[in-house]
Amino acid sequence: MASKKLTITLPVEQLDRIRTIVDAGQARSISGFVQHAVGVSLDDVAGWGAMLAEALDETGGELSAEETAWADDVLQNDRKSESAA
């Protein structure tokens, strides 16, 4: 697989934790750790997408515009209640 070098910004605390993992031999390098983390994250996103698609198939498909509006209204009211508390 082809690779491309890029620059990312991480909080210092996260970078320190990654360096500790690399120093302990649990990852081969900082780049290796980040590559693995991105791969896990991409697989996780794909898994959630597949689970959502399956759940939608089992429950009648995508939400209608009316159902979406109702859910938005309910969630917005919950957010207003939480912020008032």
N, C-alpha and C. Protein backbone atom coordinates (compact mmCIF):
# COMPACT_ATOMS: atom_id res chain seq x y z
N MET A 1 0.84 -1.17 0.00
CA MET A 1 0.00 0.00 0.00
C MET A 1 0.89 1.24 0.00
N ALA A 2 0.58 2.17 -0.86
CA ALA A 2 1.35 3.42 -0.93
C ALA A 2 1.08 4.26 0.31
N SER A 3 2.09 5.00 0.71
CA SER A 3 1.96 5.87 1.88
C SER A 3 2.30 7.29 1.48
N LYS A 4 1.80 8.23 2.25
CA LYS A 4 2.11 9.64 2.03
C LYS A 4 2.39 10.27 3.39
N LYS A 5 3.45 11.03 3.44
CA LYS A 5 3.84 11.69 4.68
C LYS A 5 2.97 12.93 4.89
N LEU A 6 2.55 13.16 6.14
CA LEU A 6 1.77 14.35 6.45
C LEU A 6 2.12 14.82 7.85
N THR A 7 1.68 16.00 8.16
CA THR A 7 1.91 16.58 9.48
C THR A 7 0.58 16.63 10.21
N ILE A 8 0.58 16.19 11.47
CA ILE A 8 -0.63 16.27 12.29
C ILE A 8 -0.29 17.01 13.58
N THR A 9 -1.30 17.50 14.23
CA THR A 9 -1.13 18.18 15.51
C THR A 9 -1.87 17.39 16.57
N LEU A 10 -1.16 17.06 17.66
CA LEU A 10 -1.74 16.33 18.78
C LEU A 10 -1.49 17.11 20.06
N PRO A 11 -2.37 16.96 21.04
CA PRO A 11 -2.07 17.52 22.35
C PRO A 11 -0.78 16.89 22.90
N VAL A 12 0.00 17.67 23.61
CA VAL A 12 1.28 17.19 24.14
C VAL A 12 1.08 15.93 24.98
N GLU A 13 0.01 15.89 25.76
CA GLU A 13 -0.24 14.74 26.63
C GLU A 13 -0.41 13.46 25.81
N GLN A 14 -1.11 13.55 24.69
CA GLN A 14 -1.28 12.37 23.83
C GLN A 14 0.04 11.94 23.22
N LEU A 15 0.82 12.88 22.75
CA LEU A 15 2.12 12.55 22.18
C LEU A 15 3.02 11.90 23.22
N ASP A 16 3.00 12.42 24.44
CA ASP A 16 3.79 11.82 25.52
C ASP A 16 3.36 10.38 25.78
N ARG A 17 2.07 10.14 25.77
CA ARG A 17 1.57 8.78 26.00
C ARG A 17 1.98 7.85 24.87
N ILE A 18 1.93 8.35 23.63
CA ILE A 18 2.36 7.53 22.49
C ILE A 18 3.84 7.22 22.60
N ARG A 19 4.64 8.21 22.96
CA ARG A 19 6.09 7.97 23.11
C ARG A 19 6.36 6.93 24.19
N THR A 20 5.60 6.96 25.27
CA THR A 20 5.76 5.97 26.34
C THR A 20 5.46 4.57 25.80
N ILE A 21 4.43 4.45 24.99
CA ILE A 21 4.06 3.16 24.39
C ILE A 21 5.16 2.67 23.46
N VAL A 22 5.70 3.58 22.64
CA VAL A 22 6.79 3.22 21.73
C VAL A 22 8.03 2.82 22.52
N ASP A 23 8.37 3.60 23.54
CA ASP A 23 9.55 3.30 24.36
C ASP A 23 9.43 1.95 25.06
N ALA A 24 8.20 1.54 25.38
CA ALA A 24 7.97 0.25 26.03
C ALA A 24 7.95 -0.90 25.03
N GLY A 25 8.10 -0.58 23.74
CA GLY A 25 8.12 -1.61 22.71
C GLY A 25 6.75 -2.11 22.31
N GLN A 26 5.70 -1.40 22.70
CA GLN A 26 4.34 -1.82 22.37
C GLN A 26 3.90 -1.33 20.99
N ALA A 27 4.67 -0.43 20.41
CA ALA A 27 4.45 0.03 19.03
C ALA A 27 5.83 0.26 18.44
N ARG A 28 5.97 0.05 17.13
CA ARG A 28 7.30 0.15 16.53
C ARG A 28 7.78 1.58 16.37
N SER A 29 6.83 2.53 16.25
CA SER A 29 7.19 3.94 16.08
C SER A 29 5.94 4.78 16.31
N ILE A 30 6.14 6.09 16.39
CA ILE A 30 4.98 6.99 16.51
C ILE A 30 4.12 6.86 15.25
N SER A 31 4.76 6.86 14.08
CA SER A 31 4.00 6.70 12.84
C SER A 31 3.24 5.38 12.82
N GLY A 32 3.89 4.32 13.26
CA GLY A 32 3.24 3.01 13.31
C GLY A 32 2.03 3.02 14.23
N PHE A 33 2.18 3.68 15.38
CA PHE A 33 1.06 3.78 16.32
C PHE A 33 -0.11 4.53 15.68
N VAL A 34 0.19 5.67 15.05
CA VAL A 34 -0.86 6.49 14.44
C VAL A 34 -1.52 5.73 13.29
N GLN A 35 -0.72 5.03 12.47
CA GLN A 35 -1.29 4.23 11.37
C GLN A 35 -2.26 3.19 11.91
N HIS A 36 -1.85 2.51 12.98
CA HIS A 36 -2.71 1.50 13.59
C HIS A 36 -3.99 2.13 14.14
N ALA A 37 -3.85 3.26 14.84
CA ALA A 37 -5.01 3.94 15.42
C ALA A 37 -5.99 4.39 14.34
N VAL A 38 -5.47 4.90 13.24
CA VAL A 38 -6.35 5.33 12.14
C VAL A 38 -7.06 4.11 11.54
N GLY A 39 -6.34 3.02 11.36
CA GLY A 39 -6.96 1.80 10.84
C GLY A 39 -8.07 1.29 11.73
N VAL A 40 -7.82 1.27 13.04
CA VAL A 40 -8.85 0.84 13.99
C VAL A 40 -10.06 1.76 13.92
N SER A 41 -9.81 3.05 13.85
CA SER A 41 -10.90 4.03 13.79
C SER A 41 -11.72 3.86 12.51
N LEU A 42 -11.05 3.67 11.38
CA LEU A 42 -11.77 3.47 10.12
C LEU A 42 -12.61 2.20 10.15
N ASP A 43 -12.06 1.13 10.72
CA ASP A 43 -12.83 -0.12 10.85
C ASP A 43 -14.02 0.09 11.77
N ASP A 44 -13.83 0.86 12.84
CA ASP A 44 -14.91 1.14 13.78
C ASP A 44 -16.04 1.90 13.09
N VAL A 45 -15.68 2.92 12.34
CA VAL A 45 -16.68 3.71 11.61
C VAL A 45 -17.44 2.83 10.62
N ALA A 46 -16.71 1.98 9.90
CA ALA A 46 -17.35 1.09 8.94
C ALA A 46 -18.29 0.12 9.65
N GLY A 47 -17.86 -0.38 10.80
CA GLY A 47 -18.69 -1.30 11.57
C GLY A 47 -19.97 -0.65 12.04
N TRP A 48 -19.87 0.58 12.55
CA TRP A 48 -21.07 1.29 12.99
C TRP A 48 -21.99 1.56 11.82
N GLY A 49 -21.42 1.90 10.67
CA GLY A 49 -22.24 2.13 9.48
C GLY A 49 -23.00 0.88 9.07
N ALA A 50 -22.32 -0.26 9.13
CA ALA A 50 -22.96 -1.53 8.78
C ALA A 50 -24.06 -1.87 9.78
N MET A 51 -23.79 -1.64 11.07
CA MET A 51 -24.80 -1.90 12.09
C MET A 51 -26.02 -1.01 11.90
N LEU A 52 -25.79 0.26 11.59
CA LEU A 52 -26.89 1.18 11.36
C LEU A 52 -27.71 0.75 10.15
N ALA A 53 -27.04 0.38 9.07
CA ALA A 53 -27.75 -0.06 7.86
C ALA A 53 -28.60 -1.30 8.16
N GLU A 54 -28.04 -2.23 8.92
CA GLU A 54 -28.78 -3.44 9.28
C GLU A 54 -29.99 -3.10 10.15
N ALA A 55 -29.79 -2.23 11.13
CA ALA A 55 -30.90 -1.83 12.01
C ALA A 55 -31.99 -1.13 11.21
N LEU A 56 -31.60 -0.26 10.29
CA LEU A 56 -32.60 0.42 9.46
C LEU A 56 -33.37 -0.58 8.60
N ASP A 57 -32.67 -1.56 8.04
CA ASP A 57 -33.35 -2.59 7.24
C ASP A 57 -34.37 -3.35 8.08
N GLU A 58 -34.00 -3.65 9.33
CA GLU A 58 -34.87 -4.43 10.21
C GLU A 58 -36.07 -3.63 10.71
N THR A 59 -35.97 -2.31 10.68
CA THR A 59 -37.04 -1.48 11.24
C THR A 59 -37.78 -0.66 10.20
N GLY A 60 -37.62 -0.98 8.94
CA GLY A 60 -38.41 -0.31 7.92
C GLY A 60 -37.67 0.72 7.09
N GLY A 61 -36.38 0.81 7.22
CA GLY A 61 -35.61 1.71 6.36
C GLY A 61 -35.35 3.07 6.97
N GLU A 62 -34.92 3.98 6.11
CA GLU A 62 -34.56 5.33 6.54
C GLU A 62 -35.75 6.03 7.18
N LEU A 63 -35.44 6.99 8.06
CA LEU A 63 -36.50 7.80 8.66
C LEU A 63 -37.14 8.69 7.61
N SER A 64 -38.44 8.88 7.76
CA SER A 64 -39.13 9.82 6.87
C SER A 64 -38.81 11.24 7.34
N ALA A 65 -39.14 12.21 6.51
CA ALA A 65 -38.93 13.62 6.89
C ALA A 65 -39.72 13.95 8.15
N GLU A 66 -40.92 13.40 8.26
CA GLU A 66 -41.76 13.64 9.44
C GLU A 66 -41.12 13.05 10.70
N GLU A 67 -40.59 11.82 10.60
CA GLU A 67 -39.93 11.18 11.73
C GLU A 67 -38.67 11.95 12.14
N THR A 68 -37.93 12.40 11.16
CA THR A 68 -36.72 13.18 11.45
C THR A 68 -37.07 14.48 12.14
N ALA A 69 -38.10 15.17 11.68
CA ALA A 69 -38.53 16.43 12.30
C ALA A 69 -38.97 16.19 13.74
N TRP A 70 -39.71 15.10 13.97
CA TRP A 70 -40.15 14.77 15.33
C TRP A 70 -38.94 14.52 16.23
N ALA A 71 -37.98 13.72 15.76
CA ALA A 71 -36.79 13.41 16.56
C ALA A 71 -35.98 14.67 16.84
N ASP A 72 -35.83 15.52 15.84
CA ASP A 72 -35.10 16.78 16.04
C ASP A 72 -35.79 17.62 17.10
N ASP A 73 -37.11 17.68 17.06
CA ASP A 73 -37.87 18.46 18.04
C ASP A 73 -37.68 17.89 19.44
N VAL A 74 -37.78 16.58 19.58
CA VAL A 74 -37.62 15.94 20.89
C VAL A 74 -36.21 16.17 21.42
N LEU A 75 -35.21 15.96 20.59
CA LEU A 75 -33.82 16.14 21.03
C LEU A 75 -33.53 17.59 21.36
N GLN A 76 -34.06 18.51 20.61
CA GLN A 76 -33.85 19.94 20.89
C GLN A 76 -34.48 20.30 22.22
N ASN A 77 -35.67 19.77 22.51
CA ASN A 77 -36.32 20.05 23.79
C ASN A 77 -35.51 19.46 24.94
N ASP A 78 -34.93 18.27 24.75
CA ASP A 78 -34.08 17.67 25.78
C ASP A 78 -32.86 18.54 26.03
N ARG A 79 -32.26 19.08 24.99
CA ARG A 79 -31.08 19.93 25.15
C ARG A 79 -31.43 21.20 25.91
N LYS A 80 -32.61 21.76 25.62
CA LYS A 80 -33.05 22.96 26.33
C LYS A 80 -33.25 22.66 27.81
N SER A 81 -33.83 21.50 28.13
CA SER A 81 -34.06 21.10 29.52
C SER A 81 -32.74 20.92 30.26
N GLU A 82 -31.76 20.29 29.60
CA GLU A 82 -30.45 20.05 30.22
C GLU A 82 -29.73 21.36 30.49
N SER A 83 -29.80 22.31 29.58
CA SER A 83 -29.08 23.57 29.77
C SER A 83 -29.75 24.44 30.83
N ALA A 84 -31.04 24.25 31.05
CA ALA A 84 -31.74 25.02 32.08
C ALA A 84 -31.47 24.47 33.47
N ALA A 85 -31.06 23.21 33.55
CA ALA A 85 -30.84 22.56 34.86
C ALA A 85 -29.57 23.01 35.52
